[in-house]
N, C-alpha and C. Protein backbone atom coordinates (compact mmCIF):
# COMPACT_ATOMS: atom_id res chain seq x y z
N MET A 1 8.69 -0.50 43.09
CA MET A 1 8.29 -0.59 41.68
C MET A 1 9.07 -1.70 41.17
N ASN A 2 8.59 -2.60 40.61
CA ASN A 2 9.42 -3.51 39.82
C ASN A 2 9.82 -3.34 38.41
N SER A 3 10.46 -4.30 37.86
CA SER A 3 11.19 -4.16 36.81
C SER A 3 10.42 -4.03 35.64
N MET A 4 9.08 -4.45 35.51
CA MET A 4 8.18 -4.41 34.72
C MET A 4 7.43 -3.10 34.82
N SER A 5 7.43 -2.14 35.56
CA SER A 5 6.66 -1.23 35.81
C SER A 5 7.65 0.01 35.45
N LYS A 6 8.86 -0.30 35.03
CA LYS A 6 9.56 0.90 34.55
C LYS A 6 9.13 1.29 33.17
N ASN A 7 9.93 2.49 32.93
CA ASN A 7 9.46 3.02 31.44
C ASN A 7 9.34 2.16 30.57
N ASN A 8 8.31 1.47 29.90
CA ASN A 8 8.77 0.68 28.79
C ASN A 8 7.87 1.08 27.70
N ASN A 9 8.14 2.34 27.67
CA ASN A 9 7.08 3.15 26.09
C ASN A 9 7.98 2.89 25.18
N ASN A 10 8.99 2.16 25.07
CA ASN A 10 9.78 2.30 23.71
C ASN A 10 9.28 1.12 23.04
N PHE A 11 8.41 0.27 23.51
CA PHE A 11 7.62 -0.94 23.12
C PHE A 11 6.37 -0.39 22.96
N ASN A 12 5.65 0.64 23.16
CA ASN A 12 4.25 1.08 23.07
C ASN A 12 4.36 1.68 21.64
N PRO A 13 3.94 1.55 20.67
CA PRO A 13 3.62 2.27 19.40
C PRO A 13 2.72 3.60 19.51
N CYS A 14 2.06 3.73 20.20
CA CYS A 14 1.05 4.51 20.60
C CYS A 14 1.57 5.58 21.48
N PHE A 15 2.82 5.39 22.29
CA PHE A 15 3.32 6.43 23.14
C PHE A 15 3.88 7.60 22.25
N LYS A 16 3.59 8.76 22.99
CA LYS A 16 4.23 10.25 22.28
C LYS A 16 5.41 10.31 22.62
N ARG A 17 6.19 10.70 22.02
CA ARG A 17 7.86 10.80 22.17
C ARG A 17 8.14 12.11 23.12
N ASP A 18 8.91 12.27 23.88
CA ASP A 18 9.73 13.30 24.49
C ASP A 18 10.51 14.00 23.63
N GLN A 19 11.35 14.77 24.03
CA GLN A 19 12.48 15.65 23.45
C GLN A 19 13.57 14.71 23.64
N ASP A 20 13.87 14.27 24.62
CA ASP A 20 14.97 13.04 24.56
C ASP A 20 14.79 11.97 23.44
N ASP A 21 13.63 11.61 23.03
CA ASP A 21 13.44 10.63 22.23
C ASP A 21 13.40 11.61 21.09
N CYS A 22 13.13 12.69 20.49
CA CYS A 22 13.27 13.29 19.16
C CYS A 22 15.03 13.47 19.28
N ASN A 23 15.81 13.75 20.23
CA ASN A 23 16.94 14.05 19.87
C ASN A 23 17.64 12.61 19.82
N ARG A 24 17.45 11.64 19.98
CA ARG A 24 18.06 10.44 19.69
C ARG A 24 17.57 10.08 18.44
N LYS A 25 16.26 10.87 17.91
CA LYS A 25 16.23 10.24 16.35
C LYS A 25 16.91 10.88 16.05
N LYS A 26 17.38 12.02 15.89
CA LYS A 26 18.14 12.98 15.19
C LYS A 26 19.67 12.09 14.66
N ASP A 27 20.23 11.41 16.00
CA ASP A 27 21.28 10.87 15.74
C ASP A 27 21.09 9.64 14.42
N LYS A 28 21.96 9.60 13.29
CA LYS A 28 21.99 8.67 12.52
C LYS A 28 21.88 7.42 13.18
N LYS A 29 22.95 6.74 14.22
CA LYS A 29 23.18 5.76 14.85
C LYS A 29 21.39 5.27 15.26
N PHE A 30 20.79 5.83 15.25
CA PHE A 30 19.22 5.55 16.17
C PHE A 30 18.15 5.75 14.87
N CYS A 31 17.74 4.58 14.43
CA CYS A 31 17.39 4.62 13.04
C CYS A 31 16.69 3.18 13.30
N PRO A 32 15.33 2.85 13.62
CA PRO A 32 14.45 1.36 13.78
C PRO A 32 14.04 1.30 12.08
N THR A 33 13.99 -0.07 12.22
CA THR A 33 13.56 -0.19 10.52
C THR A 33 11.92 -1.32 11.00
N ILE A 34 11.14 -0.87 10.26
CA ILE A 34 9.52 -1.36 10.53
C ILE A 34 9.27 -2.28 9.50
N LEU A 35 8.74 -3.49 9.38
CA LEU A 35 8.37 -4.28 8.54
C LEU A 35 6.94 -4.62 8.68
N LYS A 36 6.15 -4.26 7.99
CA LYS A 36 4.34 -4.67 7.81
C LYS A 36 4.01 -5.37 6.53
N CYS A 37 3.32 -6.12 7.07
CA CYS A 37 2.59 -7.24 6.17
C CYS A 37 1.15 -6.96 6.21
N GLY A 38 0.45 -6.69 4.92
CA GLY A 38 -0.85 -6.73 4.65
C GLY A 38 -1.63 -8.49 4.78
N CYS A 39 -2.86 -8.34 5.15
CA CYS A 39 -3.35 -9.48 4.37
C CYS A 39 -3.78 -9.86 3.02
N PRO A 40 -3.50 -11.25 2.84
CA PRO A 40 -3.94 -11.07 1.12
C PRO A 40 -5.36 -10.91 1.12
N GLY A 41 -5.36 -10.16 0.01
CA GLY A 41 -6.85 -9.85 -0.48
C GLY A 41 -7.19 -10.41 -1.76
N SER A 42 -8.65 -10.10 -2.12
CA SER A 42 -8.89 -10.46 -3.35
C SER A 42 -10.27 -9.75 -3.92
N ALA A 43 -10.30 -9.73 -5.45
CA ALA A 43 -11.45 -8.93 -5.96
C ALA A 43 -11.93 -9.47 -7.28
N VAL A 44 -13.13 -9.02 -7.52
CA VAL A 44 -13.98 -9.84 -8.62
C VAL A 44 -14.13 -8.47 -9.36
N ILE A 45 -13.80 -8.13 -10.76
CA ILE A 45 -14.32 -7.19 -11.67
C ILE A 45 -15.03 -7.65 -12.79
N GLN A 46 -16.23 -7.80 -12.74
CA GLN A 46 -17.51 -8.14 -14.18
C GLN A 46 -17.21 -7.30 -15.01
N GLY A 47 -17.34 -8.13 -16.21
CA GLY A 47 -17.13 -7.53 -17.65
C GLY A 47 -18.80 -7.66 -18.14
N PRO A 48 -18.74 -7.40 -19.54
CA PRO A 48 -18.14 -6.58 -20.30
C PRO A 48 -18.37 -5.02 -19.81
N LEU A 49 -17.38 -4.28 -20.40
CA LEU A 49 -17.32 -2.87 -20.08
C LEU A 49 -17.58 -2.20 -21.49
N THR A 50 -18.47 -1.15 -21.62
CA THR A 50 -18.98 -0.66 -22.55
C THR A 50 -17.83 0.49 -23.15
N VAL A 51 -17.34 1.12 -24.18
CA VAL A 51 -16.22 2.13 -24.59
C VAL A 51 -16.58 3.24 -23.94
N GLY A 52 -15.61 3.48 -23.00
CA GLY A 52 -15.73 4.98 -22.46
C GLY A 52 -16.11 4.97 -21.05
N THR A 53 -16.15 3.42 -20.69
CA THR A 53 -16.60 3.26 -18.99
C THR A 53 -15.48 2.73 -18.17
N THR A 54 -15.57 2.85 -17.29
CA THR A 54 -14.74 2.30 -16.30
C THR A 54 -15.44 1.35 -15.12
N SER A 55 -15.40 0.49 -14.46
CA SER A 55 -15.25 -0.26 -13.27
C SER A 55 -15.37 0.57 -11.94
N ALA A 56 -16.38 0.65 -11.11
CA ALA A 56 -16.11 0.76 -9.86
C ALA A 56 -15.04 0.91 -9.19
N PRO A 57 -13.96 1.60 -8.41
CA PRO A 57 -12.81 0.80 -8.03
C PRO A 57 -13.18 -0.20 -6.61
N VAL A 58 -12.22 -0.95 -6.67
CA VAL A 58 -12.21 -2.22 -5.41
C VAL A 58 -10.79 -1.91 -4.84
N THR A 59 -10.90 -2.47 -3.45
CA THR A 59 -10.04 -2.25 -2.73
C THR A 59 -9.50 -3.87 -2.77
N VAL A 60 -8.32 -4.09 -2.94
CA VAL A 60 -7.65 -5.38 -3.33
C VAL A 60 -6.68 -5.62 -2.01
N SER A 61 -5.87 -4.78 -1.57
CA SER A 61 -5.06 -4.88 -0.53
C SER A 61 -4.68 -3.56 0.36
N SER A 62 -4.27 -3.78 1.52
CA SER A 62 -3.84 -2.50 2.44
C SER A 62 -3.10 -3.05 3.42
N VAL A 63 -2.47 -2.30 3.82
CA VAL A 63 -1.18 -2.42 5.19
C VAL A 63 -1.29 -0.99 5.85
N SER A 64 -0.88 -1.08 7.34
CA SER A 64 -1.02 0.37 7.79
C SER A 64 0.26 0.08 8.70
N VAL A 65 1.12 1.29 8.86
CA VAL A 65 2.52 1.48 9.44
C VAL A 65 2.49 2.88 10.28
N ASP A 66 2.79 2.31 11.46
CA ASP A 66 3.13 3.48 12.35
C ASP A 66 4.39 4.06 12.49
N THR A 67 4.69 5.15 11.74
CA THR A 67 5.85 6.00 11.35
C THR A 67 6.17 7.18 12.59
N SER A 68 5.31 7.23 13.60
CA SER A 68 5.62 7.97 14.68
C SER A 68 6.96 8.10 15.70
N ARG A 69 7.84 6.79 15.35
CA ARG A 69 8.92 6.79 16.15
C ARG A 69 10.19 6.71 15.08
N LEU A 70 9.92 7.46 13.60
CA LEU A 70 10.93 7.68 13.01
C LEU A 70 10.79 8.92 12.03
N CYS A 71 12.07 9.42 12.20
CA CYS A 71 12.54 10.82 12.00
C CYS A 71 12.17 10.56 10.39
N ASP A 72 11.44 11.48 9.55
CA ASP A 72 11.33 11.70 8.46
C ASP A 72 11.49 10.58 7.68
N PRO A 73 10.29 9.64 7.75
CA PRO A 73 10.00 8.32 7.59
C PRO A 73 10.06 8.14 5.60
N CYS A 74 10.46 6.90 5.32
CA CYS A 74 10.45 6.58 4.50
C CYS A 74 9.89 5.22 4.13
N VAL A 75 8.80 5.09 3.15
CA VAL A 75 8.25 3.68 3.25
C VAL A 75 8.17 3.47 1.79
N LYS A 76 8.58 1.92 1.86
CA LYS A 76 8.77 1.30 0.29
C LYS A 76 7.49 0.38 0.53
N LEU A 77 6.61 0.45 -0.29
CA LEU A 77 5.96 -0.31 -0.65
C LEU A 77 5.67 -1.23 -1.64
N ASP A 78 5.71 -2.49 -1.52
CA ASP A 78 5.83 -3.74 -2.45
C ASP A 78 4.44 -4.33 -2.65
N PHE A 79 3.50 -4.51 -3.93
CA PHE A 79 2.42 -5.07 -4.35
C PHE A 79 2.61 -6.54 -4.98
N SER A 80 1.97 -7.28 -4.98
CA SER A 80 2.03 -8.56 -5.97
C SER A 80 0.66 -9.14 -5.72
N SER A 81 -0.11 -9.48 -6.94
CA SER A 81 -0.89 -10.25 -6.89
C SER A 81 -0.84 -11.17 -8.42
N ILE A 82 -2.24 -12.05 -8.35
CA ILE A 82 -2.41 -12.58 -9.70
C ILE A 82 -3.57 -12.16 -9.99
N ILE A 83 -3.54 -12.20 -11.44
CA ILE A 83 -4.80 -11.90 -12.31
C ILE A 83 -5.30 -12.93 -12.82
N ASN A 84 -6.07 -13.36 -12.97
CA ASN A 84 -7.10 -14.43 -13.96
C ASN A 84 -7.91 -13.99 -14.36
N ILE A 85 -7.80 -14.57 -15.73
CA ILE A 85 -8.78 -14.16 -16.90
C ILE A 85 -9.42 -15.32 -17.90
N PRO A 86 -10.79 -15.33 -17.59
CA PRO A 86 -11.21 -16.67 -18.14
C PRO A 86 -11.33 -16.18 -19.59
N VAL A 87 -11.33 -17.78 -20.24
CA VAL A 87 -11.33 -17.62 -22.00
C VAL A 87 -12.46 -16.77 -22.35
N THR A 88 -13.93 -16.82 -21.92
CA THR A 88 -14.60 -15.70 -22.33
C THR A 88 -14.26 -14.24 -22.54
N ILE A 89 -13.05 -13.96 -22.04
CA ILE A 89 -12.83 -12.11 -22.09
C ILE A 89 -11.44 -12.41 -22.92
N THR A 90 -11.74 -11.72 -23.98
CA THR A 90 -10.79 -11.32 -25.04
C THR A 90 -9.67 -10.37 -24.87
N ALA A 91 -9.80 -9.47 -23.93
CA ALA A 91 -8.89 -8.13 -23.67
C ALA A 91 -9.14 -7.72 -22.41
N ALA A 92 -8.30 -7.35 -21.50
CA ALA A 92 -8.78 -6.73 -20.30
C ALA A 92 -7.66 -5.86 -19.83
N THR A 93 -7.69 -4.48 -19.23
CA THR A 93 -6.96 -3.72 -18.87
C THR A 93 -7.40 -3.23 -17.55
N VAL A 94 -6.49 -3.31 -16.48
CA VAL A 94 -6.79 -2.90 -15.06
C VAL A 94 -5.62 -1.85 -14.78
N THR A 95 -6.28 -0.87 -14.06
CA THR A 95 -5.21 -0.06 -13.63
C THR A 95 -5.16 0.05 -11.87
N PHE A 96 -3.77 -0.11 -11.29
CA PHE A 96 -3.72 0.12 -9.93
C PHE A 96 -3.32 1.33 -9.16
N ARG A 97 -3.74 1.60 -8.48
CA ARG A 97 -3.33 2.97 -7.69
C ARG A 97 -2.95 2.84 -6.29
N VAL A 98 -2.39 3.53 -5.46
CA VAL A 98 -1.84 3.43 -4.25
C VAL A 98 -2.21 4.75 -3.51
N PHE A 99 -3.40 4.46 -2.36
CA PHE A 99 -3.70 5.74 -1.94
C PHE A 99 -2.89 5.66 -0.31
N LYS A 100 -2.69 6.71 0.08
CA LYS A 100 -2.55 6.48 1.79
C LYS A 100 -3.61 7.79 2.69
N ILE A 101 -4.00 7.12 3.94
CA ILE A 101 -4.52 7.94 4.78
C ILE A 101 -3.88 8.01 5.88
N CYS A 102 -3.81 9.29 6.35
CA CYS A 102 -2.74 9.29 7.83
C CYS A 102 -3.87 10.00 9.18
N GLY A 103 -3.34 9.62 10.28
CA GLY A 103 -3.88 9.94 11.08
C GLY A 103 -5.76 10.22 11.16
N ASN A 104 -5.85 11.32 11.21
CA ASN A 104 -7.51 11.49 11.27
C ASN A 104 -7.72 12.45 9.88
N GLN A 105 -7.13 11.99 9.04
CA GLN A 105 -7.25 12.47 7.64
C GLN A 105 -8.64 11.94 7.01
N LEU A 106 -9.37 13.08 6.37
CA LEU A 106 -10.57 12.06 5.46
C LEU A 106 -10.51 12.05 4.10
N GLN A 107 -9.47 12.61 3.46
CA GLN A 107 -9.10 12.39 2.19
C GLN A 107 -7.97 11.54 2.05
N ARG A 108 -8.30 10.88 1.20
CA ARG A 108 -6.91 9.84 0.71
C ARG A 108 -6.02 10.39 -0.38
N ILE A 109 -4.86 10.35 -0.15
CA ILE A 109 -3.63 11.15 -0.97
C ILE A 109 -3.37 9.91 -1.76
N PRO A 110 -2.70 10.15 -3.04
CA PRO A 110 -2.49 9.58 -4.06
C PRO A 110 -0.63 9.37 -3.66
N VAL A 111 -0.17 7.92 -3.91
CA VAL A 111 1.29 7.69 -3.76
C VAL A 111 1.79 7.48 -5.12
N GLY A 112 2.53 8.05 -5.63
CA GLY A 112 3.15 7.29 -6.66
C GLY A 112 2.10 7.07 -8.00
N PRO A 113 2.52 7.12 -9.09
CA PRO A 113 1.68 7.00 -10.26
C PRO A 113 0.52 5.81 -10.21
N GLN A 114 -0.20 5.38 -11.33
CA GLN A 114 -0.90 4.22 -11.77
C GLN A 114 -0.11 3.54 -12.37
N TRP A 115 -0.14 1.73 -11.97
CA TRP A 115 0.27 0.84 -13.20
C TRP A 115 -1.03 0.34 -13.52
N THR A 116 -0.36 -0.11 -14.87
CA THR A 116 -1.53 -0.51 -15.50
C THR A 116 -1.08 -2.00 -16.27
N PHE A 117 -2.09 -3.15 -15.78
CA PHE A 117 -2.21 -4.34 -16.41
C PHE A 117 -3.12 -4.34 -17.68
N SER A 118 -2.25 -4.98 -19.06
CA SER A 118 -3.10 -5.14 -19.79
C SER A 118 -2.85 -6.25 -20.71
N ARG A 119 -3.72 -6.74 -20.91
CA ARG A 119 -3.63 -8.43 -21.53
C ARG A 119 -4.56 -8.87 -22.84
N LEU A 120 -4.06 -8.84 -24.11
CA LEU A 120 -4.98 -9.45 -25.06
C LEU A 120 -5.09 -11.12 -25.00
N THR A 121 -6.24 -11.78 -24.83
CA THR A 121 -5.62 -13.52 -24.86
C THR A 121 -7.10 -13.92 -25.62
N ALA A 122 -6.51 -14.84 -26.32
CA ALA A 122 -7.73 -15.99 -27.14
C ALA A 122 -8.12 -16.87 -25.99
N VAL A 123 -7.20 -17.03 -25.21
CA VAL A 123 -7.75 -18.34 -23.96
C VAL A 123 -7.22 -17.62 -22.65
N GLY A 124 -7.77 -18.62 -21.88
CA GLY A 124 -7.79 -18.14 -20.60
C GLY A 124 -6.22 -17.72 -20.26
N SER A 125 -6.20 -16.98 -19.06
CA SER A 125 -4.60 -16.54 -18.73
C SER A 125 -4.33 -16.32 -17.16
N SER A 126 -3.14 -16.91 -16.33
CA SER A 126 -3.04 -16.39 -15.17
C SER A 126 -1.91 -15.85 -15.31
N ASP A 127 -1.85 -14.25 -14.43
CA ASP A 127 -0.57 -13.76 -14.85
C ASP A 127 -0.11 -13.07 -13.25
N THR A 128 1.21 -13.05 -12.91
CA THR A 128 1.48 -12.16 -11.67
C THR A 128 1.62 -10.82 -12.34
N PHE A 129 0.84 -10.14 -11.51
CA PHE A 129 1.69 -8.69 -11.42
C PHE A 129 2.21 -8.00 -10.26
N THR A 130 3.28 -7.21 -10.01
CA THR A 130 3.68 -6.81 -9.17
C THR A 130 4.23 -5.17 -9.49
N PHE A 131 4.37 -4.27 -8.53
CA PHE A 131 5.09 -3.09 -8.51
C PHE A 131 5.82 -2.68 -7.07
N SER A 132 6.66 -1.67 -7.13
CA SER A 132 6.70 -1.15 -5.86
C SER A 132 7.03 0.44 -6.16
N VAL A 133 6.84 1.38 -5.20
CA VAL A 133 6.58 2.24 -4.98
C VAL A 133 7.37 2.64 -3.55
N CYS A 134 7.96 4.14 -3.27
CA CYS A 134 8.15 4.49 -1.85
C CYS A 134 7.61 6.14 -1.89
N ASP A 135 7.56 6.05 -0.41
CA ASP A 135 6.38 7.64 -0.23
C ASP A 135 7.36 7.86 0.94
N CYS A 136 8.31 8.90 0.38
CA CYS A 136 9.42 9.52 1.38
C CYS A 136 9.14 10.99 1.09
N GLY A 137 9.79 11.57 2.22
CA GLY A 137 9.84 13.30 2.41
C GLY A 137 8.86 14.12 2.52
N THR A 138 7.51 12.92 3.25
CA THR A 138 6.38 13.95 3.48
C THR A 138 6.51 14.19 4.95
N CYS A 139 7.53 14.05 5.56
CA CYS A 139 7.14 14.48 7.05
C CYS A 139 6.24 14.45 8.03
N ASN A 140 5.30 12.99 7.74
CA ASN A 140 4.76 12.29 8.57
C ASN A 140 5.43 12.10 9.85
N ASP A 141 4.46 12.32 11.16
CA ASP A 141 4.78 11.57 11.95
C ASP A 141 3.56 10.83 12.52
N ASP A 142 3.19 9.82 11.81
CA ASP A 142 1.79 9.49 12.21
C ASP A 142 1.56 7.92 11.66
N CYS A 143 0.47 7.47 11.77
CA CYS A 143 0.53 6.12 11.51
C CYS A 143 -0.98 6.36 10.10
N CYS A 144 -0.20 5.68 8.97
CA CYS A 144 -0.70 5.65 7.98
C CYS A 144 -1.19 4.30 7.10
N THR A 145 -2.49 4.37 6.50
CA THR A 145 -2.93 3.11 5.96
C THR A 145 -2.68 3.22 4.93
N TYR A 146 -2.10 2.46 4.10
CA TYR A 146 -1.89 2.18 2.55
C TYR A 146 -2.72 1.33 2.01
N VAL A 147 -3.39 1.68 0.89
CA VAL A 147 -4.48 1.06 0.20
C VAL A 147 -4.28 0.79 -1.34
N VAL A 148 -4.44 -0.24 -1.90
CA VAL A 148 -4.45 -0.52 -3.50
C VAL A 148 -5.52 -0.51 -4.00
N GLU A 149 -6.08 -0.18 -4.70
CA GLU A 149 -7.38 0.18 -5.51
C GLU A 149 -7.12 -0.17 -7.06
N ALA A 150 -8.05 -1.16 -7.51
CA ALA A 150 -8.12 -1.61 -8.94
C ALA A 150 -9.46 -1.21 -9.49
N VAL A 151 -9.04 -0.97 -11.09
CA VAL A 151 -10.30 0.04 -11.42
C VAL A 151 -10.25 -0.89 -13.14
N ALA A 152 -11.16 -1.27 -13.53
CA ALA A 152 -10.75 -1.91 -15.25
C ALA A 152 -11.06 -1.04 -16.02
N THR A 153 -10.49 -0.62 -16.73
CA THR A 153 -10.53 0.37 -17.79
C THR A 153 -11.12 -0.49 -19.38
N SER A 154 -10.89 -1.39 -19.12
CA SER A 154 -11.48 -2.38 -20.51
C SER A 154 -11.52 -3.55 -20.30
N ILE A 155 -13.02 -4.44 -20.61
CA ILE A 155 -13.06 -5.79 -20.08
C ILE A 155 -13.80 -6.16 -21.73
N LEU A 156 -13.37 -6.82 -22.64
CA LEU A 156 -14.12 -7.08 -23.87
C LEU A 156 -14.45 -8.70 -23.92
N GLY A 157 -15.62 -8.91 -23.84
CA GLY A 157 -16.17 -10.30 -23.38
C GLY A 157 -16.93 -10.46 -22.11
N THR A 158 -17.60 -11.66 -21.97
CA THR A 158 -18.34 -12.11 -20.66
C THR A 158 -17.65 -12.57 -19.95
N GLY A 159 -18.06 -12.12 -18.51
CA GLY A 159 -17.14 -12.87 -17.39
C GLY A 159 -16.62 -11.76 -16.79
N ALA A 160 -15.64 -12.47 -15.94
CA ALA A 160 -15.31 -11.80 -14.56
C ALA A 160 -13.45 -11.70 -14.62
N VAL A 161 -12.80 -10.42 -14.64
CA VAL A 161 -11.90 -10.57 -14.34
C VAL A 161 -11.49 -10.72 -12.69
N SER A 162 -10.36 -11.84 -12.54
CA SER A 162 -10.18 -11.64 -10.91
C SER A 162 -9.20 -11.45 -10.45
N ILE A 163 -8.92 -10.90 -9.24
CA ILE A 163 -7.50 -10.73 -8.64
C ILE A 163 -7.29 -11.43 -7.40
N SER A 164 -6.63 -11.95 -7.35
CA SER A 164 -6.26 -13.02 -6.23
C SER A 164 -4.54 -12.76 -5.52
N ASN A 165 -4.78 -13.29 -4.51
CA ASN A 165 -3.40 -13.25 -3.46
C ASN A 165 -2.74 -11.88 -3.38
N ALA A 166 -3.71 -10.62 -3.32
CA ALA A 166 -3.12 -9.83 -3.92
C ALA A 166 -2.62 -9.22 -2.31
N THR A 167 -1.14 -8.95 -2.27
CA THR A 167 -0.69 -8.69 -0.80
C THR A 167 0.17 -7.07 -0.91
N LEU A 168 0.03 -6.42 0.06
CA LEU A 168 0.86 -5.07 -0.02
C LEU A 168 1.78 -5.21 1.51
N SER A 169 3.04 -4.90 1.28
CA SER A 169 3.64 -4.83 2.09
C SER A 169 4.67 -3.73 2.49
N ALA A 170 5.43 -3.18 3.66
CA ALA A 170 5.79 -2.20 3.45
C ALA A 170 6.90 -2.22 4.31
N ILE A 171 8.09 -1.67 4.38
CA ILE A 171 9.45 -1.29 4.68
C ILE A 171 9.81 0.42 5.20
N ALA A 172 9.85 0.25 6.57
CA ALA A 172 9.63 2.10 6.76
C ALA A 172 11.15 2.17 7.67
N THR A 173 11.68 3.47 7.08
CA THR A 173 12.80 3.92 8.02
C THR A 173 13.18 5.09 7.63
N CYS A 174 14.23 5.82 8.50
CA CYS A 174 14.23 7.34 8.71
C CYS A 174 14.98 7.54 6.96
N GLY A 175 14.20 8.95 6.88
CA GLY A 175 14.72 9.27 5.91
C GLY A 175 16.28 10.31 5.66
N THR A 176 16.42 11.33 4.90
CA THR A 176 17.55 11.75 4.92
C THR A 176 17.26 13.68 5.36
N SER A 177 16.14 14.11 4.90
CA SER A 177 15.85 15.38 5.08
C SER A 177 15.95 15.94 6.13
N ASN A 178 15.59 17.17 6.76
CA ASN A 178 15.88 17.74 7.90
C ASN A 178 14.47 18.46 8.57
N CYS A 179 13.16 17.31 8.55
CA CYS A 179 11.96 17.46 8.89
C CYS A 179 11.83 17.30 10.13
N CYS A 180 12.86 16.54 11.11
CA CYS A 180 12.74 16.88 12.77
C CYS A 180 13.49 17.61 12.94
């Protein structure tokens, strides 16, 4: 048996842990930190919207995080984007929401509140829009995909609101409850 064939499962994110690994996870000295960055995304939401209607939800960014090696994982998500409004739109309101899908789940779970971008403008504008949220204490031992969706709740005027350079990043580490 050569040195490369020894148990290198510590580097395999799909490796299912054994009891020794779980005991080591309970040790406060052993807690890895995971940093994951999603690829930049974009979306276009066409206006105008009539009063009382909303646009269809569009996915603007996502990131997947495997927390199976963490005890009581806590994931901090950071979202940033640029929202462009053309001169032909006089007002726009867009809400953003984070959802997660873990393992073989079929249903998306909302994470945190909704965040709202709202702008009254007589001329075109470009604005940065960012938010952060934590997903802690869920006792998940799985790989989760976090998705940011945007929905326009108001677009007055003609043209499209564009969301560009939308990125979602995640930092995950061990939490403090007794889930393990």
